[in-house]
Amino acid sequence: MIKIVLSAEQASLVSQATDAVELVDPTGNCLGVFVQAFSAGEIKTALRRRESSALRYTTAEVLTHLQSLWQLIFGHIFQSGVIWQSSS
């Protein structure tokens, strides 16, 4: 593995980032994206939630529910074929 030492300013920016950090060369070409590892607290919370008996849904169940909401809200627009109708 190659080790790259950041300047103090760079290290500070990366450690304070709350989102992914794009690493670029001097000409702006993307070299990669750095994503912070999960903190010990985040891992502990995830493990606690996994062991919980609280109701959980699979991705497929969530997507099915979202599709049904989409149909409920927007379905009549597409079924009628009319997206905009002038009142005049």
PDB file of N, CA and C in Angstrom:
ATOM      1  N   MET A   1       0.852  -1.176   0.000  1.00  0.00           N
ATOM      2  CA  MET A   1       0.000   0.000   0.000  1.00  0.00           C
ATOM      3  C   MET A   1       0.896   1.236   0.000  1.00  0.00           C
ATOM      4  N   ILE A   2       0.489   2.222  -0.760  1.00  0.00           N
ATOM      5  CA  ILE A   2       1.218   3.484  -0.809  1.00  0.00           C
ATOM      6  C   ILE A   2       0.677   4.398   0.284  1.00  0.00           C
ATOM      7  N   LYS A   3       1.584   5.059   0.961  1.00  0.00           N
ATOM      8  CA  LYS A   3       1.206   5.984   2.034  1.00  0.00           C
ATOM      9  C   LYS A   3       1.481   7.409   1.577  1.00  0.00           C
ATOM     10  N   ILE A   4       0.463   8.279   1.665  1.00  0.00           N
ATOM     11  CA  ILE A   4       0.604   9.687   1.300  1.00  0.00           C
ATOM     12  C   ILE A   4       0.376  10.517   2.554  1.00  0.00           C
ATOM     13  N   VAL A   5       1.311  11.379   2.883  1.00  0.00           N
ATOM     14  CA  VAL A   5       1.212  12.214   4.069  1.00  0.00           C
ATOM     15  C   VAL A   5       0.584  13.551   3.671  1.00  0.00           C
ATOM     16  N   LEU A   6      -0.503  13.884   4.315  1.00  0.00           N
ATOM     17  CA  LEU A   6      -1.185  15.150   4.055  1.00  0.00           C
ATOM     18  C   LEU A   6      -0.565  16.268   4.878  1.00  0.00           C
ATOM     19  N   SER A   7      -0.707  17.473   4.387  1.00  0.00           N
ATOM     20  CA  SER A   7      -0.275  18.625   5.183  1.00  0.00           C
ATOM     21  C   SER A   7      -1.235  18.749   6.362  1.00  0.00           C
ATOM     22  N   ALA A   8      -0.895  19.527   7.350  1.00  0.00           N
ATOM     23  CA  ALA A   8      -1.766  19.728   8.507  1.00  0.00           C
ATOM     24  C   ALA A   8      -3.117  20.296   8.069  1.00  0.00           C
ATOM     25  N   GLU A   9      -3.081  21.238   7.132  1.00  0.00           N
ATOM     26  CA  GLU A   9      -4.327  21.846   6.640  1.00  0.00           C
ATOM     27  C   GLU A   9      -5.186  20.809   5.914  1.00  0.00           C
ATOM     28  N   GLN A  10      -4.583  19.998   5.066  1.00  0.00           N
ATOM     29  CA  GLN A  10      -5.325  18.963   4.342  1.00  0.00           C
ATOM     30  C   GLN A  10      -5.912  17.939   5.309  1.00  0.00           C
ATOM     31  N   ALA A  11      -5.112  17.497   6.263  1.00  0.00           N
ATOM     32  CA  ALA A  11      -5.578  16.518   7.242  1.00  0.00           C
ATOM     33  C   ALA A  11      -6.750  17.065   8.037  1.00  0.00           C
ATOM     34  N   SER A  12      -6.687  18.332   8.382  1.00  0.00           N
ATOM     35  CA  SER A  12      -7.774  18.962   9.122  1.00  0.00           C
ATOM     36  C   SER A  12      -9.059  18.980   8.298  1.00  0.00           C
ATOM     37  N   LEU A  13      -8.941  19.351   7.019  1.00  0.00           N
ATOM     38  CA  LEU A  13     -10.115  19.390   6.142  1.00  0.00           C
ATOM     39  C   LEU A  13     -10.742  18.011   5.993  1.00  0.00           C
ATOM     40  N   VAL A  14      -9.914  16.996   5.783  1.00  0.00           N
ATOM     41  CA  VAL A  14     -10.419  15.638   5.614  1.00  0.00           C
ATOM     42  C   VAL A  14     -11.068  15.133   6.897  1.00  0.00           C
ATOM     43  N   SER A  15     -10.448  15.374   8.027  1.00  0.00           N
ATOM     44  CA  SER A  15     -10.988  14.857   9.291  1.00  0.00           C
ATOM     45  C   SER A  15     -12.273  15.559   9.707  1.00  0.00           C
ATOM     46  N   GLN A  16     -12.478  16.787   9.252  1.00  0.00           N
ATOM     47  CA  GLN A  16     -13.691  17.535   9.597  1.00  0.00           C
ATOM     48  C   GLN A  16     -14.820  17.327   8.586  1.00  0.00           C
ATOM     49  N   ALA A  17     -14.522  16.638   7.486  1.00  0.00           N
ATOM     50  CA  ALA A  17     -15.520  16.448   6.438  1.00  0.00           C
ATOM     51  C   ALA A  17     -16.699  15.627   6.952  1.00  0.00           C
ATOM     52  N   THR A  18     -17.885  16.039   6.590  1.00  0.00           N
ATOM     53  CA  THR A  18     -19.090  15.298   6.970  1.00  0.00           C
ATOM     54  C   THR A  18     -19.650  14.537   5.778  1.00  0.00           C
ATOM     55  N   ASP A  19     -18.959  14.605   4.651  1.00  0.00           N
ATOM     56  CA  ASP A  19     -19.366  13.937   3.432  1.00  0.00           C
ATOM     57  C   ASP A  19     -18.117  13.369   2.765  1.00  0.00           C
ATOM     58  N   ALA A  20     -18.273  12.740   1.630  1.00  0.00           N
ATOM     59  CA  ALA A  20     -17.132  12.206   0.898  1.00  0.00           C
ATOM     60  C   ALA A  20     -16.212  13.344   0.472  1.00  0.00           C
ATOM     61  N   VAL A  21     -14.926  13.032   0.335  1.00  0.00           N
ATOM     62  CA  VAL A  21     -13.927  14.015  -0.079  1.00  0.00           C
ATOM     63  C   VAL A  21     -13.348  13.565  -1.412  1.00  0.00           C
ATOM     64  N   GLU A  22     -13.463  14.426  -2.425  1.00  0.00           N
ATOM     65  CA  GLU A  22     -12.895  14.106  -3.729  1.00  0.00           C
ATOM     66  C   GLU A  22     -11.420  14.499  -3.731  1.00  0.00           C
ATOM     67  N   LEU A  23     -10.550  13.582  -4.132  1.00  0.00           N
ATOM     68  CA  LEU A  23      -9.120  13.839  -4.213  1.00  0.00           C
ATOM     69  C   LEU A  23      -8.775  14.087  -5.681  1.00  0.00           C
ATOM     70  N   VAL A  24      -8.170  15.250  -5.955  1.00  0.00           N
ATOM     71  CA  VAL A  24      -7.847  15.621  -7.332  1.00  0.00           C
ATOM     72  C   VAL A  24      -6.371  15.971  -7.454  1.00  0.00           C
ATOM     73  N   ASP A  25      -5.854  15.834  -8.679  1.00  0.00           N
ATOM     74  CA  ASP A  25      -4.467  16.241  -8.924  1.00  0.00           C
ATOM     75  C   ASP A  25      -4.440  17.744  -9.199  1.00  0.00           C
ATOM     76  N   PRO A  26      -3.254  18.343  -9.388  1.00  0.00           N
ATOM     77  CA  PRO A  26      -3.168  19.795  -9.589  1.00  0.00           C
ATOM     78  C   PRO A  26      -3.955  20.326 -10.785  1.00  0.00           C
ATOM     79  N   THR A  27      -4.257  19.451 -11.749  1.00  0.00           N
ATOM     80  CA  THR A  27      -5.028  19.907 -12.917  1.00  0.00           C
ATOM     81  C   THR A  27      -6.528  19.674 -12.754  1.00  0.00           C
ATOM     82  N   GLY A  28      -6.931  19.119 -11.618  1.00  0.00           N
ATOM     83  CA  GLY A  28      -8.351  18.921 -11.342  1.00  0.00           C
ATOM     84  C   GLY A  28      -8.895  17.555 -11.701  1.00  0.00           C
ATOM     85  N   ASN A  29      -8.031  16.653 -12.177  1.00  0.00           N
ATOM     86  CA  ASN A  29      -8.475  15.294 -12.497  1.00  0.00           C
ATOM     87  C   ASN A  29      -8.738  14.513 -11.216  1.00  0.00           C
ATOM     88  N   CYS A  30      -9.889  13.878 -11.155  1.00  0.00           N
ATOM     89  CA  CYS A  30     -10.254  13.107  -9.961  1.00  0.00           C
ATOM     90  C   CYS A  30      -9.368  11.869  -9.854  1.00  0.00           C
ATOM     91  N   LEU A  31      -8.733  11.732  -8.701  1.00  0.00           N
ATOM     92  CA  LEU A  31      -7.892  10.569  -8.430  1.00  0.00           C
ATOM     93  C   LEU A  31      -8.632   9.521  -7.610  1.00  0.00           C
ATOM     94  N   GLY A  32      -9.637   9.970  -6.909  1.00  0.00           N
ATOM     95  CA  GLY A  32     -10.405   9.054  -6.077  1.00  0.00           C
ATOM     96  C   GLY A  32     -11.289   9.817  -5.119  1.00  0.00           C
ATOM     97  N   VAL A  33     -12.046   9.063  -4.354  1.00  0.00           N
ATOM     98  CA  VAL A  33     -12.952   9.656  -3.376  1.00  0.00           C
ATOM     99  C   VAL A  33     -12.678   8.988  -2.030  1.00  0.00           C
ATOM    100  N   PHE A  34     -12.508   9.801  -1.024  1.00  0.00           N
ATOM    101  CA  PHE A  34     -12.256   9.318   0.335  1.00  0.00           C
ATOM    102  C   PHE A  34     -13.564   9.398   1.116  1.00  0.00           C
ATOM    103  N   VAL A  35     -13.951   8.282   1.716  1.00  0.00           N
ATOM    104  CA  VAL A  35     -15.164   8.240   2.525  1.00  0.00           C
ATOM    105  C   VAL A  35     -14.765   7.845   3.934  1.00  0.00           C
ATOM    106  N   GLN A  36     -15.183   8.630   4.917  1.00  0.00           N
ATOM    107  CA  GLN A  36     -14.841   8.349   6.309  1.00  0.00           C
ATOM    108  C   GLN A  36     -15.369   6.977   6.728  1.00  0.00           C
ATOM    109  N   ALA A  37     -14.603   6.277   7.505  1.00  0.00           N
ATOM    110  CA  ALA A  37     -15.057   5.021   8.099  1.00  0.00           C
ATOM    111  C   ALA A  37     -16.118   5.339   9.151  1.00  0.00           C
ATOM    112  N   PHE A  38     -16.905   4.361   9.482  1.00  0.00           N
ATOM    113  CA  PHE A  38     -17.912   4.557  10.515  1.00  0.00           C
ATOM    114  C   PHE A  38     -17.240   4.719  11.867  1.00  0.00           C
ATOM    115  N   SER A  39     -17.771   5.612  12.676  1.00  0.00           N
ATOM    116  CA  SER A  39     -17.240   5.799  14.025  1.00  0.00           C
ATOM    117  C   SER A  39     -17.703   4.645  14.915  1.00  0.00           C
ATOM    118  N   ALA A  40     -17.058   4.491  16.036  1.00  0.00           N
ATOM    119  CA  ALA A  40     -17.447   3.446  16.992  1.00  0.00           C
ATOM    120  C   ALA A  40     -18.886   3.638  17.443  1.00  0.00           C
ATOM    121  N   GLY A  41     -19.291   4.892  17.628  1.00  0.00           N
ATOM    122  CA  GLY A  41     -20.665   5.181  18.035  1.00  0.00           C
ATOM    123  C   GLY A  41     -21.679   4.785  16.972  1.00  0.00           C
ATOM    124  N   GLU A  42     -21.339   5.041  15.702  1.00  0.00           N
ATOM    125  CA  GLU A  42     -22.238   4.666  14.604  1.00  0.00           C
ATOM    126  C   GLU A  42     -22.369   3.149  14.494  1.00  0.00           C
ATOM    127  N   ILE A  43     -21.268   2.450  14.683  1.00  0.00           N
ATOM    128  CA  ILE A  43     -21.312   0.991  14.637  1.00  0.00           C
ATOM    129  C   ILE A  43     -22.139   0.441  15.789  1.00  0.00           C
ATOM    130  N   LYS A  44     -21.960   1.002  16.979  1.00  0.00           N
ATOM    131  CA  LYS A  44     -22.716   0.566  18.157  1.00  0.00           C
ATOM    132  C   LYS A  44     -24.218   0.781  17.930  1.00  0.00           C
ATOM    133  N   THR A  45     -24.575   1.932  17.376  1.00  0.00           N
ATOM    134  CA  THR A  45     -25.987   2.235  17.098  1.00  0.00           C
ATOM    135  C   THR A  45     -26.553   1.256  16.080  1.00  0.00           C
ATOM    136  N   ALA A  46     -25.810   0.970  15.023  1.00  0.00           N
ATOM    137  CA  ALA A  46     -26.274   0.040  13.992  1.00  0.00           C
ATOM    138  C   ALA A  46     -26.479  -1.359  14.562  1.00  0.00           C
ATOM    139  N   LEU A  47     -25.547  -1.813  15.398  1.00  0.00           N
ATOM    140  CA  LEU A  47     -25.677  -3.132  16.015  1.00  0.00           C
ATOM    141  C   LEU A  47     -26.880  -3.191  16.949  1.00  0.00           C
ATOM    142  N   ARG A  48     -27.101  -2.118  17.693  1.00  0.00           N
ATOM    143  CA  ARG A  48     -28.249  -2.067  18.603  1.00  0.00           C
ATOM    144  C   ARG A  48     -29.554  -2.127  17.800  1.00  0.00           C
ATOM    145  N   ARG A  49     -29.603  -1.389  16.720  1.00  0.00           N
ATOM    146  CA  ARG A  49     -30.813  -1.386  15.889  1.00  0.00           C
ATOM    147  C   ARG A  49     -31.042  -2.747  15.243  1.00  0.00           C
ATOM    148  N   ARG A  50     -29.957  -3.410  14.830  1.00  0.00           N
ATOM    149  CA  ARG A  50     -30.078  -4.726  14.205  1.00  0.00           C
ATOM    150  C   ARG A  50     -30.654  -5.743  15.178  1.00  0.00           C
ATOM    151  N   GLU A  51     -30.275  -5.643  16.449  1.00  0.00           N
ATOM    152  CA  GLU A  51     -30.742  -6.585  17.462  1.00  0.00           C
ATOM    153  C   GLU A  51     -32.133  -6.233  18.000  1.00  0.00           C
ATOM    154  N   SER A  52     -32.618  -5.063  17.649  1.00  0.00           N
ATOM    155  CA  SER A  52     -33.911  -4.606  18.134  1.00  0.00           C
ATOM    156  C   SER A  52     -35.042  -5.435  17.530  1.00  0.00           C
ATOM    157  N   SER A  53     -36.141  -5.520  18.257  1.00  0.00           N
ATOM    158  CA  SER A  53     -37.310  -6.224  17.736  1.00  0.00           C
ATOM    159  C   SER A  53     -38.257  -5.255  17.009  1.00  0.00           C
ATOM    160  N   ALA A  54     -37.798  -4.041  16.782  1.00  0.00           N
ATOM    161  CA  ALA A  54     -38.622  -3.055  16.083  1.00  0.00           C
ATOM    162  C   ALA A  54     -38.911  -3.533  14.664  1.00  0.00           C
ATOM    163  N   LEU A  55     -40.053  -3.156  14.152  1.00  0.00           N
ATOM    164  CA  LEU A  55     -40.469  -3.527  12.807  1.00  0.00           C
ATOM    165  C   LEU A  55     -39.488  -2.978  11.777  1.00  0.00           C
ATOM    166  N   ARG A  56     -39.071  -3.850  10.852  1.00  0.00           N
ATOM    167  CA  ARG A  56     -38.150  -3.427   9.795  1.00  0.00           C
ATOM    168  C   ARG A  56     -38.734  -3.841   8.453  1.00  0.00           C
ATOM    169  N   TYR A  57     -38.308  -3.155   7.409  1.00  0.00           N
ATOM    170  CA  TYR A  57     -38.785  -3.438   6.060  1.00  0.00           C
ATOM    171  C   TYR A  57     -37.601  -3.697   5.143  1.00  0.00           C
ATOM    172  N   THR A  58     -37.788  -4.601   4.187  1.00  0.00           N
ATOM    173  CA  THR A  58     -36.747  -4.858   3.201  1.00  0.00           C
ATOM    174  C   THR A  58     -36.763  -3.732   2.164  1.00  0.00           C
ATOM    175  N   THR A  59     -35.707  -3.644   1.395  1.00  0.00           N
ATOM    176  CA  THR A  59     -35.651  -2.647   0.324  1.00  0.00           C
ATOM    177  C   THR A  59     -36.802  -2.868  -0.647  1.00  0.00           C
ATOM    178  N   ALA A  60     -37.079  -4.111  -0.988  1.00  0.00           N
ATOM    179  CA  ALA A  60     -38.173  -4.420  -1.917  1.00  0.00           C
ATOM    180  C   ALA A  60     -39.511  -3.936  -1.358  1.00  0.00           C
ATOM    181  N   GLU A  61     -39.738  -4.137  -0.068  1.00  0.00           N
ATOM    182  CA  GLU A  61     -40.991  -3.671   0.542  1.00  0.00           C
ATOM    183  C   GLU A  61     -41.106  -2.154   0.498  1.00  0.00           C
ATOM    184  N   VAL A  62     -40.019  -1.462   0.765  1.00  0.00           N
ATOM    185  CA  VAL A  62     -40.026   0.003   0.728  1.00  0.00           C
ATOM    186  C   VAL A  62     -40.295   0.488  -0.695  1.00  0.00           C
ATOM    187  N   LEU A  63     -39.628  -0.111  -1.680  1.00  0.00           N
ATOM    188  CA  LEU A  63     -39.831   0.296  -3.073  1.00  0.00           C
ATOM    189  C   LEU A  63     -41.262   0.028  -3.534  1.00  0.00           C
ATOM    190  N   THR A  64     -41.830  -1.091  -3.137  1.00  0.00           N
ATOM    191  CA  THR A  64     -43.216  -1.399  -3.477  1.00  0.00           C
ATOM    192  C   THR A  64     -44.153  -0.361  -2.880  1.00  0.00           C
ATOM    193  N   HIS A  65     -43.918   0.012  -1.641  1.00  0.00           N
ATOM    194  CA  HIS A  65     -44.749   1.027  -0.991  1.00  0.00           C
ATOM    195  C   HIS A  65     -44.605   2.378  -1.690  1.00  0.00           C
ATOM    196  N   LEU A  66     -43.387   2.760  -2.036  1.00  0.00           N
ATOM    197  CA  LEU A  66     -43.177   4.027  -2.740  1.00  0.00           C
ATOM    198  C   LEU A  66     -43.856   4.032  -4.104  1.00  0.00           C
ATOM    199  N   GLN A  67     -43.824   2.892  -4.799  1.00  0.00           N
ATOM    200  CA  GLN A  67     -44.509   2.797  -6.088  1.00  0.00           C
ATOM    201  C   GLN A  67     -46.018   2.959  -5.915  1.00  0.00           C
ATOM    202  N   SER A  68     -46.558   2.383  -4.854  1.00  0.00           N
ATOM    203  CA  SER A  68     -48.002   2.516  -4.629  1.00  0.00           C
ATOM    204  C   SER A  68     -48.368   3.958  -4.313  1.00  0.00           C
ATOM    205  N   LEU A  69     -47.521   4.651  -3.574  1.00  0.00           N
ATOM    206  CA  LEU A  69     -47.772   6.070  -3.300  1.00  0.00           C
ATOM    207  C   LEU A  69     -47.689   6.888  -4.582  1.00  0.00           C
ATOM    208  N   TRP A  70     -46.706   6.583  -5.424  1.00  0.00           N
ATOM    209  CA  TRP A  70     -46.561   7.278  -6.705  1.00  0.00           C
ATOM    210  C   TRP A  70     -47.834   7.107  -7.535  1.00  0.00           C
ATOM    211  N   GLN A  71     -48.334   5.874  -7.606  1.00  0.00           N
ATOM    212  CA  GLN A  71     -49.562   5.615  -8.368  1.00  0.00           C
ATOM    213  C   GLN A  71     -50.751   6.346  -7.767  1.00  0.00           C
ATOM    214  N   LEU A  72     -50.826   6.365  -6.454  1.00  0.00           N
ATOM    215  CA  LEU A  72     -51.926   7.039  -5.776  1.00  0.00           C
ATOM    216  C   LEU A  72     -51.914   8.536  -6.064  1.00  0.00           C
ATOM    217  N   ILE A  73     -50.752   9.125  -6.039  1.00  0.00           N
ATOM    218  CA  ILE A  73     -50.631  10.574  -6.219  1.00  0.00           C
ATOM    219  C   ILE A  73     -50.659  10.976  -7.691  1.00  0.00           C
ATOM    220  N   PHE A  74     -49.899  10.273  -8.526  1.00  0.00           N
ATOM    221  CA  PHE A  74     -49.716  10.701  -9.907  1.00  0.00           C
ATOM    222  C   PHE A  74     -50.389   9.796 -10.938  1.00  0.00           C
ATOM    223  N   GLY A  75     -50.893   8.658 -10.525  1.00  0.00           N
ATOM    224  CA  GLY A  75     -51.456   7.687 -11.466  1.00  0.00           C
ATOM    225  C   GLY A  75     -52.577   8.233 -12.318  1.00  0.00           C
ATOM    226  N   HIS A  76     -53.455   9.027 -11.724  1.00  0.00           N
ATOM    227  CA  HIS A  76     -54.596   9.539 -12.485  1.00  0.00           C
ATOM    228  C   HIS A  76     -54.160  10.485 -13.601  1.00  0.00           C
ATOM    229  N   ILE A  77     -53.059  11.166 -13.416  1.00  0.00           N
ATOM    230  CA  ILE A  77     -52.561  12.088 -14.446  1.00  0.00           C
ATOM    231  C   ILE A  77     -52.138  11.301 -15.676  1.00  0.00           C
ATOM    232  N   PHE A  78     -51.408  10.220 -15.473  1.00  0.00           N
ATOM    233  CA  PHE A  78     -50.903   9.444 -16.592  1.00  0.00           C
ATOM    234  C   PHE A  78     -51.987   8.570 -17.209  1.00  0.00           C
ATOM    235  N   GLN A  79     -52.950   8.129 -16.415  1.00  0.00           N
ATOM    236  CA  GLN A  79     -54.029   7.315 -16.954  1.00  0.00           C
ATOM    237  C   GLN A  79     -54.943   8.133 -17.862  1.00  0.00           C
ATOM    238  N   SER A  80     -55.176   9.385 -17.515  1.00  0.00           N
ATOM    239  CA  SER A  80     -56.057  10.229 -18.307  1.00  0.00           C
ATOM    240  C   SER A  80     -55.369  10.756 -19.552  1.00  0.00           C
ATOM    241  N   GLY A  81     -54.044  10.768 -19.545  1.00  0.00           N
ATOM    242  CA  GLY A  81     -53.307  11.294 -20.685  1.00  0.00           C
ATOM    243  C   GLY A  81     -53.242  12.810 -20.673  1.00  0.00           C
ATOM    244  N   VAL A  82     -53.875  13.447 -19.691  1.00  0.00           N
ATOM    245  CA  VAL A  82     -53.875  14.897 -19.617  1.00  0.00           C
ATOM    246  C   VAL A  82     -52.971  15.336 -18.483  1.00  0.00           C
ATOM    247  N   ILE A  83     -51.923  16.048 -18.821  1.00  0.00           N
ATOM    248  CA  ILE A  83     -51.011  16.530 -17.799  1.00  0.00           C
ATOM    249  C   ILE A  83     -51.353  17.976 -17.445  1.00  0.00           C
ATOM    250  N   TRP A  84     -51.761  18.768 -18.420  1.00  0.00           N
ATOM    251  CA  TRP A  84     -52.128  20.150 -18.174  1.00  0.00           C
ATOM    252  C   TRP A  84     -53.336  20.485 -19.022  1.00  0.00           C
ATOM    253  N   GLN A  85     -54.316  21.074 -18.392  1.00  0.00           N
ATOM    254  CA  GLN A  85     -55.512  21.475 -19.135  1.00  0.00           C
ATOM    255  C   GLN A  85     -55.822  22.907 -18.776  1.00  0.00           C
ATOM    256  N   SER A  86     -55.920  23.733 -19.789  1.00  0.00           N
ATOM    257  CA  SER A  86     -56.193  25.146 -19.566  1.00  0.00           C
ATOM    258  C   SER A  86     -57.626  25.313 -19.101  1.00  0.00           C
ATOM    259  N   SER A  87     -57.843  26.265 -18.209  1.00  0.00           N
ATOM    260  CA  SER A  87     -59.192  26.515 -17.701  1.00  0.00           C
ATOM    261  C   SER A  87     -59.977  27.422 -18.629  1.00  0.00           C
ATOM    262  N   SER A  88     -59.348  27.946 -19.677  1.00  0.00           N
ATOM    263  CA  SER A  88     -60.082  28.851 -20.578  1.00  0.00           C
ATOM    264  C   SER A  88     -60.604  28.152 -21.795  1.00  0.00           C
TER     265      SER A  88
END
